[in-house]
Amino acid sequence: MAPTTKDIKTWFPRVSSPFICNAPMYGFANAELAIAVTKAGGLGFIGGGFDFSSESKQIPALSSELARARNLIHFPSPQATLPVGVGFITFRPEGFVQNIIPVVSEHRPAAIWLFAPASRDQHAEIVPALKSAGAAWGLKVFVQVGTVQSAREAVEDGCDVLVVQGSDAGGHQWAQGASLISLVPETRDMLSQEFEGANVAVVAAGGIVDGRGIAAQLALGANGVVMGTRFLVTEECPAPTAMKNIIMSTTDGGVSTVKSTVHDTMQGTGFWPQAYDGRAIIGESYKDHIAGLPEDANIIKYKDALAAGDSTRRTVWAGSGVGLIKSILPAGEVILNAQKQTREILQSVQSVL
């Protein structure tokens, strides 16, 4: 039987309906954003990073961010579950169990989000280790997937929540995949047919920015949603103002954004496995790439533009729903507005049936 709203509220007692969380965007989803989302009735996530080595600077930075989150929400007791989650990029998993799980055990976040394994066996080790360590405080494990097969594998590994990411999503995702219109119902069917009785929730991600997208995903079988691009353009998000302005001025996201590995190449993060690419707003660097400018020359122009404060070459990760974002709002207002709009839409639909 699929989890219900009641089940999710049992897992995360502070959340309200419909269930909304922010994507754990590394570098942008900090303690302030996560706590603002949680306080408004969502589940806030902090971006935890991808370097799990003993020498990693990301691990102590994450520990400090989690301590700051606890102070912001006034949960002084270290034994109390911290009502936020942490997201990790896992294609380089060495050191995760040894160096990340102690931090998780110290701070007791409500959820851990995993994304982008480079091989099948990586999450098969990490997920059980997290669930064993977090059993004392009811830790839930989210796994971001982009295909039905990856969803199947995540359930086999023991995840609690599938983050089903469609191809309209901004940022990193499966290089080959479907939109949510088919991916969510097919994933839900797979769960019913192959994992009957499994208590696994589905949250949809990709191109969702308001209550219209949420209502659609609930109708398709999701238990809730993730929004990423919409939370980039909030008061709490530390993204540069220039980046927020680019998002707000971009329209027609199906043609003004593109999935490509070029975005990573330009900004020096071209170390992602071949299975993944990312959707970003088309800027001057991508246009030069299409025009045939050699990669080295394009990278030099990218770096020179950033150094000069020119944002026209900046990689701006954004989903295809970017044209629906017109203003910078408090994160809590984004949550409340989206929930209200969802309820109004569902009531309106019910009235015509």
Protein backbone atom coordinates (compact mmCIF):
# COMPACT_ATOMS: atom_id res chain seq x y z
CA MET A 1 0.00 0.00 0.00
CA ALA A 2 1.38 3.42 -0.97
CA PRO A 3 2.05 5.90 1.83
CA THR A 4 -0.67 8.47 2.45
CA THR A 5 -0.53 12.08 3.60
CA LYS A 6 -1.05 10.74 7.11
CA ASP A 7 2.05 8.52 6.80
CA ILE A 8 4.21 11.43 5.64
CA LYS A 9 2.98 13.57 8.52
CA THR A 10 3.92 10.75 10.88
CA TRP A 11 7.41 10.70 9.40
CA PHE A 12 7.72 14.51 9.42
CA PRO A 13 5.29 15.88 12.03
CA ARG A 14 5.82 19.55 11.19
CA VAL A 15 4.81 19.34 7.53
CA SER A 16 1.49 20.52 6.12
CA SER A 17 -0.32 19.45 2.96
CA PRO A 18 0.50 19.20 0.18
CA PHE A 19 4.02 18.05 1.00
CA ILE A 20 6.70 20.37 -0.46
CA CYS A 21 10.45 20.35 -0.05
CA ASN A 22 13.25 22.33 -1.60
CA ALA A 23 15.95 20.63 -3.62
CA PRO A 24 19.26 20.33 -1.71
CA MET A 25 21.10 22.54 -4.19
CA TYR A 26 24.75 22.53 -3.13
CA GLY A 27 25.98 26.08 -2.63
CA PHE A 28 22.45 27.51 -2.61
CA ALA A 29 20.35 25.48 -0.15
CA ASN A 30 21.76 26.66 3.17
CA ALA A 31 20.47 26.64 6.73
CA GLU A 32 18.44 29.83 6.30
CA LEU A 33 16.60 28.51 3.27
CA ALA A 34 16.01 25.06 4.77
CA ILE A 35 14.67 26.42 8.05
CA ALA A 36 12.41 28.91 6.26
CA VAL A 37 10.91 26.04 4.25
CA THR A 38 10.46 23.91 7.36
CA LYS A 39 8.89 26.72 9.39
CA ALA A 40 6.31 27.25 6.64
CA GLY A 41 5.22 23.61 6.70
CA GLY A 42 7.57 22.11 4.13
CA LEU A 43 10.67 20.00 4.63
CA GLY A 44 13.80 22.04 4.14
CA PHE A 45 16.98 20.51 2.74
CA ILE A 46 20.60 21.65 2.96
CA GLY A 47 23.10 20.82 0.22
CA GLY A 48 25.74 18.64 1.86
CA GLY A 49 28.29 18.25 -0.93
CA PHE A 50 30.15 15.48 -2.69
CA ASP A 51 33.61 15.19 -1.08
CA PHE A 52 33.56 12.62 1.73
CA SER A 53 37.30 12.23 2.20
CA SER A 54 39.00 12.73 5.56
CA GLU A 55 40.55 15.95 4.20
CA SER A 56 37.24 17.32 2.90
CA LYS A 57 36.43 20.92 3.75
CA GLN A 58 32.79 20.22 2.93
CA ILE A 59 32.25 17.97 5.96
CA PRO A 60 33.12 20.51 8.68
CA ALA A 61 31.23 23.16 6.72
CA LEU A 62 28.15 20.92 6.71
CA SER A 63 28.47 20.27 10.43
CA SER A 64 28.56 24.01 11.07
CA GLU A 65 25.55 24.54 8.80
CA LEU A 66 23.54 21.90 10.66
CA ALA A 67 24.45 23.47 14.00
CA ARG A 68 23.30 26.82 12.61
CA ALA A 69 20.04 25.26 11.47
CA ARG A 70 19.43 23.92 14.97
CA ASN A 71 19.99 27.40 16.42
CA LEU A 72 17.72 29.03 13.86
CA ILE A 73 14.82 26.75 14.71
CA HIS A 74 15.55 26.88 18.47
CA PHE A 75 16.06 23.15 18.99
CA PRO A 76 18.84 23.26 21.60
CA SER A 77 18.72 19.57 22.56
CA PRO A 78 21.13 17.53 20.39
CA GLN A 79 18.89 14.49 20.95
CA ALA A 80 15.89 16.12 19.26
CA THR A 81 15.46 15.29 15.57
CA LEU A 82 16.49 18.29 13.49
CA PRO A 83 13.52 18.93 11.15
CA VAL A 84 15.57 19.40 8.00
CA GLY A 85 17.24 17.06 5.53
CA VAL A 86 20.67 16.94 3.91
CA GLY A 87 21.41 16.09 0.29
CA PHE A 88 24.56 14.38 -0.98
CA ILE A 89 25.97 13.76 -4.45
CA THR A 90 27.29 10.22 -4.31
CA PHE A 91 29.23 9.30 -7.46
CA ARG A 92 32.44 9.44 -5.41
CA PRO A 93 31.27 7.55 -2.31
CA GLU A 94 34.65 6.81 -0.76
CA GLY A 95 34.58 7.88 2.88
CA PHE A 96 30.80 8.33 3.12
CA VAL A 97 30.19 5.64 5.72
CA GLN A 98 33.31 6.51 7.72
CA ASN A 99 33.10 10.31 7.61
CA ILE A 100 29.51 11.35 6.86
CA ILE A 101 27.52 8.99 9.06
CA PRO A 102 29.20 10.29 12.26
CA VAL A 103 28.13 13.84 11.29
CA VAL A 104 24.60 12.62 10.57
CA SER A 105 24.50 10.82 13.92
CA GLU A 106 25.70 13.93 15.75
CA HIS A 107 23.14 16.32 14.24
CA ARG A 108 20.20 13.94 13.67
CA PRO A 109 18.57 15.42 10.56
CA ALA A 110 15.13 14.08 9.70
CA ALA A 111 16.14 12.95 6.22
CA ILE A 112 19.09 12.23 3.94
CA TRP A 113 18.82 12.65 0.17
CA LEU A 114 21.15 10.71 -2.15
CA PHE A 115 21.74 11.37 -5.83
CA ALA A 116 23.94 10.31 -8.73
CA PRO A 117 25.67 7.03 -7.97
CA ALA A 118 28.29 6.07 -10.55
CA SER A 119 27.61 2.36 -10.15
CA ARG A 120 24.81 0.08 -8.96
CA ASP A 121 26.53 -1.05 -5.77
CA GLN A 122 27.22 2.36 -4.22
CA HIS A 123 23.78 3.09 -2.75
CA ALA A 124 23.36 -0.58 -1.85
CA GLU A 125 26.00 0.04 0.82
CA ILE A 126 25.14 3.60 1.81
CA VAL A 127 21.35 3.29 2.26
CA PRO A 128 21.41 0.40 4.79
CA ALA A 129 24.25 2.08 6.70
CA LEU A 130 22.24 5.29 6.99
CA LYS A 131 19.07 3.49 8.06
CA SER A 132 20.94 1.53 10.69
CA ALA A 133 22.61 4.63 12.11
CA GLY A 134 19.39 6.67 11.98
CA ALA A 135 17.01 4.10 13.42
CA ALA A 136 17.22 5.77 16.83
CA TRP A 137 15.56 8.96 15.56
CA GLY A 138 13.55 7.72 12.58
CA LEU A 139 15.83 8.93 9.78
CA LYS A 140 14.25 8.67 6.32
CA VAL A 141 16.32 8.15 3.17
CA PHE A 142 15.35 9.92 -0.06
CA VAL A 143 16.88 8.74 -3.33
CA GLN A 144 16.64 10.86 -6.46
CA VAL A 145 15.88 8.81 -9.57
CA GLY A 146 15.25 9.60 -13.22
CA THR A 147 14.18 6.28 -14.72
CA VAL A 148 11.91 3.44 -13.68
CA GLN A 149 14.93 1.15 -13.41
CA SER A 150 16.79 3.51 -11.09
CA ALA A 151 13.62 3.76 -8.98
CA ARG A 152 13.45 -0.03 -8.79
CA GLU A 153 17.06 -0.20 -7.64
CA ALA A 154 16.51 2.49 -5.01
CA VAL A 155 13.61 0.55 -3.50
CA GLU A 156 15.69 -2.64 -3.53
CA ASP A 157 18.37 -0.72 -1.62
CA GLY A 158 15.84 0.23 1.06
CA CYS A 159 14.95 3.86 0.41
CA ASP A 160 11.90 5.43 2.07
CA VAL A 161 11.18 8.14 -0.51
CA LEU A 162 11.71 8.18 -4.26
CA VAL A 163 12.44 11.64 -5.64
CA VAL A 164 11.20 11.04 -9.18
CA GLN A 165 12.91 13.66 -11.32
CA GLY A 166 11.58 14.42 -14.79
CA SER A 167 13.51 15.88 -17.69
CA ASP A 168 12.01 19.37 -17.19
CA ALA A 169 14.13 19.73 -14.06
CA GLY A 170 16.85 22.31 -13.71
CA GLY A 171 20.35 21.31 -12.70
CA HIS A 172 21.77 17.82 -12.80
CA GLN A 173 19.67 14.85 -13.85
CA TRP A 174 19.70 11.70 -15.95
CA ALA A 175 20.98 12.48 -19.43
CA GLN A 176 18.25 10.26 -20.87
CA GLY A 177 14.84 10.24 -19.24
CA ALA A 178 11.18 11.16 -19.50
CA SER A 179 9.05 14.03 -18.25
CA LEU A 180 6.98 13.63 -15.11
CA ILE A 181 3.78 13.16 -17.12
CA SER A 182 4.79 9.56 -17.82
CA LEU A 183 7.57 8.91 -15.32
CA VAL A 184 5.51 9.38 -12.14
CA PRO A 185 2.61 7.06 -13.09
CA GLU A 186 4.93 4.40 -14.51
CA THR A 187 7.02 4.50 -11.36
CA ARG A 188 3.88 4.26 -9.24
CA ASP A 189 2.71 1.27 -11.29
CA MET A 190 6.09 -0.41 -10.84
CA LEU A 191 5.85 0.02 -7.08
CA SER A 192 2.35 -1.46 -6.98
CA GLN A 193 3.22 -4.42 -9.16
CA GLU A 194 6.70 -5.30 -7.88
CA PHE A 195 6.81 -4.03 -4.29
CA GLU A 196 3.29 -4.56 -2.99
CA GLY A 197 3.12 -3.49 0.63
CA ALA A 198 6.33 -1.46 0.51
CA ASN A 199 5.94 1.82 2.38
CA VAL A 200 7.76 3.97 -0.18
CA ALA A 201 6.62 7.52 -0.91
CA VAL A 202 6.97 9.28 -4.26
CA VAL A 203 7.76 12.97 -4.56
CA ALA A 204 7.94 14.56 -7.99
CA ALA A 205 10.64 16.97 -9.16
CA GLY A 206 11.13 18.81 -12.41
CA GLY A 207 9.60 22.02 -13.74
CA ILE A 208 7.26 22.54 -10.76
CA VAL A 209 7.07 26.14 -9.52
CA ASP A 210 3.54 26.62 -8.17
CA GLY A 211 0.27 24.96 -7.19
CA ARG A 212 -0.66 24.11 -10.76
CA GLY A 213 2.33 21.81 -11.08
CA ILE A 214 1.72 20.36 -7.63
CA ALA A 215 -1.94 19.56 -8.38
CA ALA A 216 -0.89 17.82 -11.59
CA GLN A 217 1.67 15.66 -9.80
CA LEU A 218 -0.76 14.67 -7.07
CA ALA A 219 -3.18 13.57 -9.78
CA LEU A 220 -0.41 11.50 -11.40
CA GLY A 221 0.26 9.64 -8.18
CA ALA A 222 2.91 11.61 -6.30
CA ASN A 223 2.69 12.11 -2.52
CA GLY A 224 4.29 15.53 -2.77
CA VAL A 225 6.77 17.60 -4.75
CA VAL A 226 10.22 19.12 -4.84
CA MET A 227 10.91 22.61 -6.14
CA GLY A 228 14.42 23.77 -6.99
CA THR A 229 14.46 26.74 -9.36
CA ARG A 230 11.58 28.43 -7.55
CA PHE A 231 13.57 28.39 -4.28
CA LEU A 232 16.65 29.85 -5.98
CA VAL A 233 14.61 33.02 -6.37
CA THR A 234 13.78 33.54 -2.70
CA GLU A 235 14.99 36.02 -0.14
CA GLU A 236 16.79 33.38 1.92
CA CYS A 237 18.70 31.77 -0.96
CA PRO A 238 22.31 33.04 -1.17
CA ALA A 239 22.36 32.93 -4.99
CA PRO A 240 23.74 36.18 -6.46
CA THR A 241 21.17 38.82 -7.34
CA ALA A 242 22.37 38.70 -10.96
CA MET A 243 21.49 35.01 -11.12
CA LYS A 244 18.03 35.63 -9.67
CA ASN A 245 17.47 38.42 -12.19
CA ILE A 246 18.45 36.16 -15.09
CA ILE A 247 15.91 33.57 -13.94
CA MET A 248 13.14 36.14 -13.55
CA SER A 249 13.80 37.62 -17.00
CA THR A 250 13.83 34.26 -18.80
CA THR A 251 10.67 33.04 -20.54
CA ASP A 252 9.60 30.08 -22.65
CA GLY A 253 11.72 27.60 -20.71
CA GLY A 254 11.42 24.83 -23.27
CA VAL A 255 13.60 26.80 -25.69
CA SER A 256 15.49 29.13 -23.34
CA THR A 257 16.98 26.27 -21.31
CA VAL A 258 18.87 23.22 -22.52
CA LYS A 259 20.17 19.92 -21.14
CA SER A 260 23.90 19.62 -21.82
CA THR A 261 27.26 18.74 -20.29
CA VAL A 262 28.64 22.01 -21.69
CA HIS A 263 27.37 23.92 -18.66
CA ASP A 264 29.62 21.86 -16.38
CA THR A 265 32.57 22.08 -18.72
CA MET A 266 32.42 25.86 -18.66
CA GLN A 267 32.31 26.20 -14.88
CA GLY A 268 34.91 23.51 -14.18
CA THR A 269 32.62 20.78 -12.86
CA GLY A 270 32.93 18.41 -15.77
CA PHE A 271 33.66 15.42 -13.54
CA TRP A 272 30.10 14.04 -13.53
CA PRO A 273 29.59 10.45 -14.75
CA GLN A 274 28.40 10.00 -18.33
CA ALA A 275 24.89 9.03 -17.21
CA TYR A 276 24.14 12.61 -16.10
CA ASP A 277 23.86 16.05 -17.64
CA GLY A 278 22.19 19.27 -16.50
CA ARG A 279 19.59 21.80 -17.61
CA ALA A 280 20.56 25.47 -17.51
CA ILE A 281 19.54 28.73 -19.14
CA ILE A 282 21.15 29.22 -22.54
CA GLY A 283 23.83 31.89 -22.23
CA GLU A 284 26.63 33.25 -24.35
CA SER A 285 28.96 30.34 -23.60
CA TYR A 286 26.47 27.79 -24.87
CA LYS A 287 25.76 29.89 -27.95
CA ASP A 288 29.50 30.04 -28.69
CA HIS A 289 29.72 26.27 -28.22
CA ILE A 290 26.98 25.75 -30.80
CA ALA A 291 28.74 28.20 -33.13
CA GLY A 292 31.88 26.07 -32.99
CA LEU A 293 34.15 28.04 -30.65
CA PRO A 294 36.91 25.70 -29.36
CA GLU A 295 36.36 24.54 -25.79
CA ASP A 296 39.56 26.06 -24.37
CA ALA A 297 38.79 29.45 -25.85
CA ASN A 298 35.22 29.29 -24.58
CA ILE A 299 36.39 28.48 -21.05
CA ILE A 300 38.77 31.46 -21.11
CA LYS A 301 35.93 33.75 -22.17
CA TYR A 302 33.76 32.27 -19.37
CA LYS A 303 36.40 32.94 -16.71
CA ASP A 304 37.18 36.43 -18.01
CA ALA A 305 33.48 37.35 -17.98
CA LEU A 306 33.00 36.17 -14.39
CA ALA A 307 36.10 38.06 -13.29
CA ALA A 308 34.70 41.21 -14.91
CA GLY A 309 31.30 40.76 -13.26
CA ASP A 310 29.63 39.88 -16.56
CA SER A 311 26.82 37.40 -15.89
CA THR A 312 25.97 36.65 -19.52
CA ARG A 313 28.25 33.60 -19.44
CA ARG A 314 27.38 32.37 -15.96
CA THR A 315 25.95 28.88 -15.70
CA VAL A 316 22.43 29.38 -14.33
CA TRP A 317 20.81 26.05 -13.55
CA ALA A 318 17.06 26.28 -14.11
CA GLY A 319 14.13 24.08 -15.03
CA SER A 320 11.77 24.55 -17.94
CA GLY A 321 9.23 26.19 -15.63
CA VAL A 322 11.53 29.21 -15.35
CA GLY A 323 9.13 31.44 -17.30
CA LEU A 324 6.61 31.22 -14.44
CA ILE A 325 8.95 32.84 -11.89
CA LYS A 326 8.55 36.61 -11.81
CA SER A 327 9.46 37.77 -8.31
CA ILE A 328 11.77 37.22 -5.36
CA LEU A 329 9.67 36.01 -2.43
CA PRO A 330 10.31 34.75 1.09
CA ALA A 331 10.59 30.95 0.99
CA GLY A 332 7.72 30.60 3.43
CA GLU A 333 5.48 32.62 1.14
CA VAL A 334 6.37 30.33 -1.76
CA ILE A 335 5.22 27.35 0.32
CA LEU A 336 1.99 28.91 1.54
CA ASN A 337 1.03 30.32 -1.86
CA ALA A 338 1.68 27.01 -3.59
CA GLN A 339 -0.31 25.02 -1.04
CA LYS A 340 -3.25 27.42 -1.23
CA GLN A 341 -3.25 27.35 -5.03
CA THR A 342 -3.10 23.55 -5.05
CA ARG A 343 -6.13 23.26 -2.79
CA GLU A 344 -8.09 25.76 -4.89
CA ILE A 345 -7.28 23.89 -8.11
CA LEU A 346 -8.22 20.48 -6.72
CA GLN A 347 -11.47 21.85 -5.33
CA SER A 348 -12.24 23.46 -8.69
CA VAL A 349 -11.57 20.22 -10.55
CA GLN A 350 -13.74 18.28 -8.13
CA SER A 351 -16.63 20.65 -8.73
CA VAL A 352 -16.80 19.79 -12.44
CA LEU A 353 -16.65 16.01 -12.07
